[in-house]
Amino acid sequence: MYEQLKAKDKQLASKDEQLRVKDVQISEKDKQLDQQQQLTLAAMEDTKRLQLELNEAKAEVEEIQTKSEEKIQEEAAPKGFLARLFGGK
């Protein structure tokens, strides 16, 4: 009987150790998951910021192109008789 109790105690101690190891593993996985979530959030914020910067840059390019096209059209427009005579636009 004493040997059986001793064997059961040994089994319980082994199971306790296994549970402790599993608890540590779960804790590590929780930390990894938290890190991954933080990295994902940071990446999403970076993506939004970069998209805004891209949209602003596109708007600037469009504005420059529009002004350039307007200037080209003004320069290409035929001048009236008086404008040609007096050298005006």
PDB file of N, CA and C in Angstrom:
ATOM      1  N   MET A   1       0.823  -1.194   0.000  1.00  0.00           N
ATOM      2  CA  MET A   1       0.000   0.000   0.000  1.00  0.00           C
ATOM      3  C   MET A   1       0.872   1.264   0.000  1.00  0.00           C
ATOM      4  N   TYR A   2       1.904   1.258   0.796  1.00  0.00           N
ATOM      5  CA  TYR A   2       2.805   2.407   0.871  1.00  0.00           C
ATOM      6  C   TYR A   2       3.461   2.666  -0.481  1.00  0.00           C
ATOM      7  N   GLU A   3       3.837   1.603  -1.166  1.00  0.00           N
ATOM      8  CA  GLU A   3       4.479   1.719  -2.476  1.00  0.00           C
ATOM      9  C   GLU A   3       3.505   2.307  -3.499  1.00  0.00           C
ATOM     10  N   GLN A   4       2.232   1.914  -3.390  1.00  0.00           N
ATOM     11  CA  GLN A   4       1.228   2.457  -4.311  1.00  0.00           C
ATOM     12  C   GLN A   4       1.049   3.963  -4.091  1.00  0.00           C
ATOM     13  N   LEU A   5       0.999   4.372  -2.829  1.00  0.00           N
ATOM     14  CA  LEU A   5       0.871   5.799  -2.524  1.00  0.00           C
ATOM     15  C   LEU A   5       2.092   6.570  -3.013  1.00  0.00           C
ATOM     16  N   LYS A   6       3.242   5.963  -2.826  1.00  0.00           N
ATOM     17  CA  LYS A   6       4.479   6.592  -3.268  1.00  0.00           C
ATOM     18  C   LYS A   6       4.471   6.747  -4.799  1.00  0.00           C
ATOM     19  N   ALA A   7       3.993   5.721  -5.502  1.00  0.00           N
ATOM     20  CA  ALA A   7       3.909   5.764  -6.961  1.00  0.00           C
ATOM     21  C   ALA A   7       2.897   6.826  -7.404  1.00  0.00           C
ATOM     22  N   LYS A   8       1.762   6.913  -6.703  1.00  0.00           N
ATOM     23  CA  LYS A   8       0.746   7.921  -7.036  1.00  0.00           C
ATOM     24  C   LYS A   8       1.294   9.329  -6.797  1.00  0.00           C
ATOM     25  N   ASP A   9       2.017   9.511  -5.708  1.00  0.00           N
ATOM     26  CA  ASP A   9       2.627  10.815  -5.429  1.00  0.00           C
ATOM     27  C   ASP A   9       3.599  11.205  -6.541  1.00  0.00           C
ATOM     28  N   LYS A  10       4.341  10.217  -6.993  1.00  0.00           N
ATOM     29  CA  LYS A  10       5.302  10.456  -8.071  1.00  0.00           C
ATOM     30  C   LYS A  10       4.561  10.842  -9.361  1.00  0.00           C
ATOM     31  N   GLN A  11       3.457  10.139  -9.632  1.00  0.00           N
ATOM     32  CA  GLN A  11       2.651  10.461 -10.816  1.00  0.00           C
ATOM     33  C   GLN A  11       2.080  11.879 -10.715  1.00  0.00           C
ATOM     34  N   LEU A  12       1.570  12.216  -9.529  1.00  0.00           N
ATOM     35  CA  LEU A  12       1.009  13.560  -9.330  1.00  0.00           C
ATOM     36  C   LEU A  12       2.085  14.635  -9.498  1.00  0.00           C
ATOM     37  N   ALA A  13       3.255  14.378  -8.971  1.00  0.00           N
ATOM     38  CA  ALA A  13       4.356  15.332  -9.109  1.00  0.00           C
ATOM     39  C   ALA A  13       4.720  15.501 -10.584  1.00  0.00           C
ATOM     40  N   SER A  14       4.717  14.405 -11.317  1.00  0.00           N
ATOM     41  CA  SER A  14       5.017  14.448 -12.747  1.00  0.00           C
ATOM     42  C   SER A  14       3.944  15.248 -13.489  1.00  0.00           C
ATOM     43  N   LYS A  15       2.695  15.005 -13.153  1.00  0.00           N
ATOM     44  CA  LYS A  15       1.589  15.737 -13.790  1.00  0.00           C
ATOM     45  C   LYS A  15       1.654  17.228 -13.439  1.00  0.00           C
ATOM     46  N   ASP A  16       1.989  17.524 -12.184  1.00  0.00           N
ATOM     47  CA  ASP A  16       2.134  18.926 -11.784  1.00  0.00           C
ATOM     48  C   ASP A  16       3.219  19.619 -12.604  1.00  0.00           C
ATOM     49  N   GLU A  17       4.319  18.929 -12.817  1.00  0.00           N
ATOM     50  CA  GLU A  17       5.414  19.487 -13.614  1.00  0.00           C
ATOM     51  C   GLU A  17       4.966  19.696 -15.063  1.00  0.00           C
ATOM     52  N   GLN A  18       4.227  18.731 -15.600  1.00  0.00           N
ATOM     53  CA  GLN A  18       3.719  18.869 -16.965  1.00  0.00           C
ATOM     54  C   GLN A  18       2.785  20.079 -17.079  1.00  0.00           C
ATOM     55  N   LEU A  19       1.933  20.248 -16.078  1.00  0.00           N
ATOM     56  CA  LEU A  19       1.026  21.401 -16.079  1.00  0.00           C
ATOM     57  C   LEU A  19       1.805  22.713 -15.985  1.00  0.00           C
ATOM     58  N   ARG A  20       2.842  22.729 -15.158  1.00  0.00           N
ATOM     59  CA  ARG A  20       3.662  23.932 -15.022  1.00  0.00           C
ATOM     60  C   ARG A  20       4.314  24.284 -16.366  1.00  0.00           C
ATOM     61  N   VAL A  21       4.840  23.262 -17.045  1.00  0.00           N
ATOM     62  CA  VAL A  21       5.464  23.476 -18.352  1.00  0.00           C
ATOM     63  C   VAL A  21       4.426  24.002 -19.346  1.00  0.00           C
ATOM     64  N   LYS A  22       3.250  23.416 -19.332  1.00  0.00           N
ATOM     65  CA  LYS A  22       2.185  23.863 -20.244  1.00  0.00           C
ATOM     66  C   LYS A  22       1.777  25.309 -19.937  1.00  0.00           C
ATOM     67  N   ASP A  23       1.712  25.651 -18.654  1.00  0.00           N
ATOM     68  CA  ASP A  23       1.374  27.026 -18.279  1.00  0.00           C
ATOM     69  C   ASP A  23       2.406  28.010 -18.832  1.00  0.00           C
ATOM     70  N   VAL A  24       3.675  27.641 -18.746  1.00  0.00           N
ATOM     71  CA  VAL A  24       4.738  28.494 -19.279  1.00  0.00           C
ATOM     72  C   VAL A  24       4.586  28.618 -20.796  1.00  0.00           C
ATOM     73  N   GLN A  25       4.307  27.507 -21.464  1.00  0.00           N
ATOM     74  CA  GLN A  25       4.130  27.532 -22.916  1.00  0.00           C
ATOM     75  C   GLN A  25       2.951  28.420 -23.315  1.00  0.00           C
ATOM     76  N   ILE A  26       1.862  28.302 -22.582  1.00  0.00           N
ATOM     77  CA  ILE A  26       0.678  29.123 -22.864  1.00  0.00           C
ATOM     78  C   ILE A  26       1.004  30.601 -22.660  1.00  0.00           C
ATOM     79  N   SER A  27       1.729  30.892 -21.596  1.00  0.00           N
ATOM     80  CA  SER A  27       2.118  32.270 -21.322  1.00  0.00           C
ATOM     81  C   SER A  27       2.977  32.833 -22.456  1.00  0.00           C
ATOM     82  N   GLU A  28       3.913  32.042 -22.932  1.00  0.00           N
ATOM     83  CA  GLU A  28       4.768  32.471 -24.044  1.00  0.00           C
ATOM     84  C   GLU A  28       3.943  32.693 -25.315  1.00  0.00           C
ATOM     85  N   LYS A  29       3.020  31.796 -25.573  1.00  0.00           N
ATOM     86  CA  LYS A  29       2.162  31.949 -26.758  1.00  0.00           C
ATOM     87  C   LYS A  29       1.311  33.209 -26.647  1.00  0.00           C
ATOM     88  N   ASP A  30       0.810  33.499 -25.441  1.00  0.00           N
ATOM     89  CA  ASP A  30       0.034  34.722 -25.234  1.00  0.00           C
ATOM     90  C   ASP A  30       0.880  35.956 -25.542  1.00  0.00           C
ATOM     91  N   LYS A  31       2.137  35.944 -25.088  1.00  0.00           N
ATOM     92  CA  LYS A  31       3.037  37.064 -25.360  1.00  0.00           C
ATOM     93  C   LYS A  31       3.273  37.205 -26.862  1.00  0.00           C
ATOM     94  N   GLN A  32       3.488  36.083 -27.529  1.00  0.00           N
ATOM     95  CA  GLN A  32       3.717  36.113 -28.974  1.00  0.00           C
ATOM     96  C   GLN A  32       2.486  36.638 -29.713  1.00  0.00           C
ATOM     97  N   LEU A  33       1.320  36.200 -29.284  1.00  0.00           N
ATOM     98  CA  LEU A  33       0.081  36.656 -29.909  1.00  0.00           C
ATOM     99  C   LEU A  33      -0.098  38.160 -29.710  1.00  0.00           C
ATOM    100  N   ASP A  34       0.182  38.641 -28.506  1.00  0.00           N
ATOM    101  CA  ASP A  34       0.077  40.068 -28.220  1.00  0.00           C
ATOM    102  C   ASP A  34       1.045  40.864 -29.100  1.00  0.00           C
ATOM    103  N   GLN A  35       2.271  40.367 -29.215  1.00  0.00           N
ATOM    104  CA  GLN A  35       3.255  41.029 -30.073  1.00  0.00           C
ATOM    105  C   GLN A  35       2.778  41.071 -31.521  1.00  0.00           C
ATOM    106  N   GLN A  36       2.246  39.958 -31.977  1.00  0.00           N
ATOM    107  CA  GLN A  36       1.767  39.883 -33.359  1.00  0.00           C
ATOM    108  C   GLN A  36       0.631  40.874 -33.591  1.00  0.00           C
ATOM    109  N   GLN A  37      -0.262  40.979 -32.625  1.00  0.00           N
ATOM    110  CA  GLN A  37      -1.374  41.921 -32.759  1.00  0.00           C
ATOM    111  C   GLN A  37      -0.864  43.358 -32.804  1.00  0.00           C
ATOM    112  N   GLN A  38       0.133  43.663 -31.964  1.00  0.00           N
ATOM    113  CA  GLN A  38       0.704  45.009 -31.965  1.00  0.00           C
ATOM    114  C   GLN A  38       1.392  45.309 -33.297  1.00  0.00           C
ATOM    115  N   LEU A  39       2.117  44.332 -33.819  1.00  0.00           N
ATOM    116  CA  LEU A  39       2.789  44.521 -35.107  1.00  0.00           C
ATOM    117  C   LEU A  39       1.778  44.699 -36.240  1.00  0.00           C
ATOM    118  N   THR A  40       0.708  43.935 -36.186  1.00  0.00           N
ATOM    119  CA  THR A  40      -0.334  44.052 -37.209  1.00  0.00           C
ATOM    120  C   THR A  40      -0.977  45.432 -37.160  1.00  0.00           C
ATOM    121  N   LEU A  41      -1.271  45.902 -35.961  1.00  0.00           N
ATOM    122  CA  LEU A  41      -1.859  47.235 -35.805  1.00  0.00           C
ATOM    123  C   LEU A  41      -0.906  48.307 -36.328  1.00  0.00           C
ATOM    124  N   ALA A  42       0.364  48.192 -35.981  1.00  0.00           N
ATOM    125  CA  ALA A  42       1.353  49.165 -36.456  1.00  0.00           C
ATOM    126  C   ALA A  42       1.445  49.138 -37.981  1.00  0.00           C
ATOM    127  N   ALA A  43       1.412  47.951 -38.558  1.00  0.00           N
ATOM    128  CA  ALA A  43       1.480  47.829 -40.020  1.00  0.00           C
ATOM    129  C   ALA A  43       0.253  48.454 -40.670  1.00  0.00           C
ATOM    130  N   MET A  44      -0.910  48.253 -40.073  1.00  0.00           N
ATOM    131  CA  MET A  44      -2.139  48.842 -40.617  1.00  0.00           C
ATOM    132  C   MET A  44      -2.078  50.371 -40.549  1.00  0.00           C
ATOM    133  N   GLU A  45      -1.565  50.897 -39.435  1.00  0.00           N
ATOM    134  CA  GLU A  45      -1.445  52.347 -39.292  1.00  0.00           C
ATOM    135  C   GLU A  45      -0.451  52.901 -40.311  1.00  0.00           C
ATOM    136  N   ASP A  46       0.660  52.194 -40.512  1.00  0.00           N
ATOM    137  CA  ASP A  46       1.642  52.611 -41.518  1.00  0.00           C
ATOM    138  C   ASP A  46       1.019  52.612 -42.907  1.00  0.00           C
ATOM    139  N   THR A  47       0.234  51.589 -43.195  1.00  0.00           N
ATOM    140  CA  THR A  47      -0.417  51.493 -44.502  1.00  0.00           C
ATOM    141  C   THR A  47      -1.359  52.674 -44.720  1.00  0.00           C
ATOM    142  N   LYS A  48      -2.143  53.004 -43.702  1.00  0.00           N
ATOM    143  CA  LYS A  48      -3.062  54.147 -43.814  1.00  0.00           C
ATOM    144  C   LYS A  48      -2.288  55.443 -44.035  1.00  0.00           C
ATOM    145  N   ARG A  49      -1.214  55.626 -43.254  1.00  0.00           N
ATOM    146  CA  ARG A  49      -0.415  56.843 -43.366  1.00  0.00           C
ATOM    147  C   ARG A  49       0.200  56.954 -44.766  1.00  0.00           C
ATOM    148  N   LEU A  50       0.751  55.853 -45.236  1.00  0.00           N
ATOM    149  CA  LEU A  50       1.361  55.859 -46.566  1.00  0.00           C
ATOM    150  C   LEU A  50       0.323  56.095 -47.661  1.00  0.00           C
ATOM    151  N   GLN A  51      -0.878  55.554 -47.483  1.00  0.00           N
ATOM    152  CA  GLN A  51      -1.949  55.773 -48.462  1.00  0.00           C
ATOM    153  C   GLN A  51      -2.328  57.250 -48.503  1.00  0.00           C
ATOM    154  N   LEU A  52      -2.405  57.880 -47.325  1.00  0.00           N
ATOM    155  CA  LEU A  52      -2.711  59.315 -47.284  1.00  0.00           C
ATOM    156  C   LEU A  52      -1.618  60.122 -47.983  1.00  0.00           C
ATOM    157  N   GLU A  53      -0.355  59.768 -47.702  1.00  0.00           N
ATOM    158  CA  GLU A  53       0.754  60.470 -48.347  1.00  0.00           C
ATOM    159  C   GLU A  53       0.701  60.287 -49.864  1.00  0.00           C
ATOM    160  N   LEU A  54       0.383  59.079 -50.291  1.00  0.00           N
ATOM    161  CA  LEU A  54       0.280  58.804 -51.727  1.00  0.00           C
ATOM    162  C   LEU A  54      -0.836  59.626 -52.355  1.00  0.00           C
ATOM    163  N   ASN A  55      -1.985  59.682 -51.684  1.00  0.00           N
ATOM    164  CA  ASN A  55      -3.112  60.464 -52.207  1.00  0.00           C
ATOM    165  C   ASN A  55      -2.754  61.946 -52.306  1.00  0.00           C
ATOM    166  N   GLU A  56      -2.041  62.460 -51.282  1.00  0.00           N
ATOM    167  CA  GLU A  56      -1.625  63.858 -51.312  1.00  0.00           C
ATOM    168  C   GLU A  56      -0.658  64.104 -52.470  1.00  0.00           C
ATOM    169  N   ALA A  57       0.274  63.185 -52.660  1.00  0.00           N
ATOM    170  CA  ALA A  57       1.242  63.328 -53.752  1.00  0.00           C
ATOM    171  C   ALA A  57       0.536  63.283 -55.107  1.00  0.00           C
ATOM    172  N   LYS A  58      -0.435  62.382 -55.246  1.00  0.00           N
ATOM    173  CA  LYS A  58      -1.192  62.308 -56.501  1.00  0.00           C
ATOM    174  C   LYS A  58      -1.940  63.616 -56.758  1.00  0.00           C
ATOM    175  N   ALA A  59      -2.534  64.179 -55.708  1.00  0.00           N
ATOM    176  CA  ALA A  59      -3.269  65.437 -55.855  1.00  0.00           C
ATOM    177  C   ALA A  59      -2.325  66.555 -56.288  1.00  0.00           C
ATOM    178  N   GLU A  60      -1.119  66.586 -55.702  1.00  0.00           N
ATOM    179  CA  GLU A  60      -0.143  67.605 -56.090  1.00  0.00           C
ATOM    180  C   GLU A  60       0.256  67.441 -57.556  1.00  0.00           C
ATOM    181  N   VAL A  61       0.493  66.209 -57.966  1.00  0.00           N
ATOM    182  CA  VAL A  61       0.875  65.944 -59.355  1.00  0.00           C
ATOM    183  C   VAL A  61      -0.250  66.368 -60.292  1.00  0.00           C
ATOM    184  N   GLU A  62      -1.484  66.039 -59.946  1.00  0.00           N
ATOM    185  CA  GLU A  62      -2.625  66.433 -60.783  1.00  0.00           C
ATOM    186  C   GLU A  62      -2.715  67.948 -60.900  1.00  0.00           C
ATOM    187  N   GLU A  63      -2.505  68.631 -59.769  1.00  0.00           N
ATOM    188  CA  GLU A  63      -2.575  70.094 -59.777  1.00  0.00           C
ATOM    189  C   GLU A  63      -1.481  70.678 -60.675  1.00  0.00           C
ATOM    190  N   ILE A  64      -0.275  70.130 -60.562  1.00  0.00           N
ATOM    191  CA  ILE A  64       0.835  70.603 -61.395  1.00  0.00           C
ATOM    192  C   ILE A  64       0.548  70.332 -62.866  1.00  0.00           C
ATOM    193  N   GLN A  65       0.027  69.146 -63.158  1.00  0.00           N
ATOM    194  CA  GLN A  65      -0.291  68.808 -64.548  1.00  0.00           C
ATOM    195  C   GLN A  65      -1.372  69.728 -65.105  1.00  0.00           C
ATOM    196  N   THR A  66      -2.383  69.991 -64.288  1.00  0.00           N
ATOM    197  CA  THR A  66      -3.473  70.868 -64.727  1.00  0.00           C
ATOM    198  C   THR A  66      -2.940  72.265 -65.030  1.00  0.00           C
ATOM    199  N   LYS A  67      -2.106  72.804 -64.120  1.00  0.00           N
ATOM    200  CA  LYS A  67      -1.540  74.138 -64.343  1.00  0.00           C
ATOM    201  C   LYS A  67      -0.657  74.148 -65.586  1.00  0.00           C
ATOM    202  N   SER A  68       0.101  73.079 -65.753  1.00  0.00           N
ATOM    203  CA  SER A  68       0.981  72.982 -66.921  1.00  0.00           C
ATOM    204  C   SER A  68       0.164  72.936 -68.207  1.00  0.00           C
ATOM    205  N   GLU A  69      -0.905  72.154 -68.205  1.00  0.00           N
ATOM    206  CA  GLU A  69      -1.768  72.057 -69.388  1.00  0.00           C
ATOM    207  C   GLU A  69      -2.441  73.392 -69.686  1.00  0.00           C
ATOM    208  N   GLU A  70      -2.874  74.085 -68.624  1.00  0.00           N
ATOM    209  CA  GLU A  70      -3.509  75.391 -68.819  1.00  0.00           C
ATOM    210  C   GLU A  70      -2.520  76.379 -69.429  1.00  0.00           C
ATOM    211  N   LYS A  71      -1.279  76.342 -68.936  1.00  0.00           N
ATOM    212  CA  LYS A  71      -0.258  77.252 -69.452  1.00  0.00           C
ATOM    213  C   LYS A  71       0.032  76.947 -70.920  1.00  0.00           C
ATOM    214  N   ILE A  72       0.116  75.661 -71.245  1.00  0.00           N
ATOM    215  CA  ILE A  72       0.362  75.266 -72.638  1.00  0.00           C
ATOM    216  C   ILE A  72      -0.785  75.732 -73.523  1.00  0.00           C
ATOM    217  N   GLN A  73      -2.021  75.585 -73.041  1.00  0.00           N
ATOM    218  CA  GLN A  73      -3.185  76.012 -73.825  1.00  0.00           C
ATOM    219  C   GLN A  73      -3.185  77.525 -74.017  1.00  0.00           C
ATOM    220  N   GLU A  74      -2.805  78.255 -72.963  1.00  0.00           N
ATOM    221  CA  GLU A  74      -2.750  79.717 -73.076  1.00  0.00           C
ATOM    222  C   GLU A  74      -1.711  80.133 -74.110  1.00  0.00           C
ATOM    223  N   GLU A  75      -0.555  79.462 -74.051  1.00  0.00           N
ATOM    224  CA  GLU A  75       0.518  79.818 -74.975  1.00  0.00           C
ATOM    225  C   GLU A  75       0.168  79.416 -76.405  1.00  0.00           C
ATOM    226  N   ALA A  76      -0.596  78.351 -76.553  1.00  0.00           N
ATOM    227  CA  ALA A  76      -0.934  77.857 -77.886  1.00  0.00           C
ATOM    228  C   ALA A  76      -2.143  78.572 -78.480  1.00  0.00           C
ATOM    229  N   ALA A  77      -2.891  79.282 -77.650  1.00  0.00           N
ATOM    230  CA  ALA A  77      -4.096  79.961 -78.140  1.00  0.00           C
ATOM    231  C   ALA A  77      -3.692  81.027 -79.153  1.00  0.00           C
ATOM    232  N   PRO A  78      -4.448  81.129 -80.246  1.00  0.00           N
ATOM    233  CA  PRO A  78      -4.107  82.143 -81.259  1.00  0.00           C
ATOM    234  C   PRO A  78      -4.308  83.541 -80.682  1.00  0.00           C
ATOM    235  N   LYS A  79      -3.370  84.420 -80.990  1.00  0.00           N
ATOM    236  CA  LYS A  79      -3.446  85.780 -80.475  1.00  0.00           C
ATOM    237  C   LYS A  79      -4.290  86.628 -81.424  1.00  0.00           C
ATOM    238  N   GLY A  80      -4.984  87.551 -80.818  1.00  0.00           N
ATOM    239  CA  GLY A  80      -5.777  88.471 -81.630  1.00  0.00           C
ATOM    240  C   GLY A  80      -4.870  89.447 -82.385  1.00  0.00           C
ATOM    241  N   PHE A  81      -5.469  90.176 -83.311  1.00  0.00           N
ATOM    242  CA  PHE A  81      -4.708  91.101 -84.151  1.00  0.00           C
ATOM    243  C   PHE A  81      -3.970  92.144 -83.314  1.00  0.00           C
ATOM    244  N   LEU A  82      -4.671  92.762 -82.352  1.00  0.00           N
ATOM    245  CA  LEU A  82      -4.049  93.807 -81.541  1.00  0.00           C
ATOM    246  C   LEU A  82      -2.960  93.235 -80.632  1.00  0.00           C
ATOM    247  N   ALA A  83      -3.201  92.025 -80.127  1.00  0.00           N
ATOM    248  CA  ALA A  83      -2.203  91.404 -79.262  1.00  0.00           C
ATOM    249  C   ALA A  83      -0.933  91.121 -80.051  1.00  0.00           C
ATOM    250  N   ARG A  84      -1.095  90.675 -81.278  1.00  0.00           N
ATOM    251  CA  ARG A  84       0.085  90.416 -82.109  1.00  0.00           C
ATOM    252  C   ARG A  84       0.779  91.733 -82.457  1.00  0.00           C
ATOM    253  N   LEU A  85      -0.020  92.742 -82.688  1.00  0.00           N
ATOM    254  CA  LEU A  85       0.523  94.037 -83.080  1.00  0.00           C
ATOM    255  C   LEU A  85       1.340  94.667 -81.954  1.00  0.00           C
ATOM    256  N   PHE A  86       0.815  94.547 -80.724  1.00  0.00           N
ATOM    257  CA  PHE A  86       1.491  95.175 -79.591  1.00  0.00           C
ATOM    258  C   PHE A  86       2.298  94.190 -78.748  1.00  0.00           C
ATOM    259  N   GLY A  87       2.396  92.943 -79.159  1.00  0.00           N
ATOM    260  CA  GLY A  87       3.228  91.949 -78.477  1.00  0.00           C
ATOM    261  C   GLY A  87       2.643  91.429 -77.178  1.00  0.00           C
ATOM    262  N   GLY A  88       1.362  91.552 -76.976  1.00  0.00           N
ATOM    263  CA  GLY A  88       0.727  91.038 -75.755  1.00  0.00           C
ATOM    264  C   GLY A  88       0.381  89.577 -75.890  1.00  0.00           C
ATOM    265  N   LYS A  89      -0.143  89.066 -74.846  1.00  0.00           N
ATOM    266  CA  LYS A  89      -0.518  87.643 -74.852  1.00  0.00           C
ATOM    267  C   LYS A  89      -1.826  87.416 -75.550  1.00  0.00           C
TER     268      LYS A  89
END
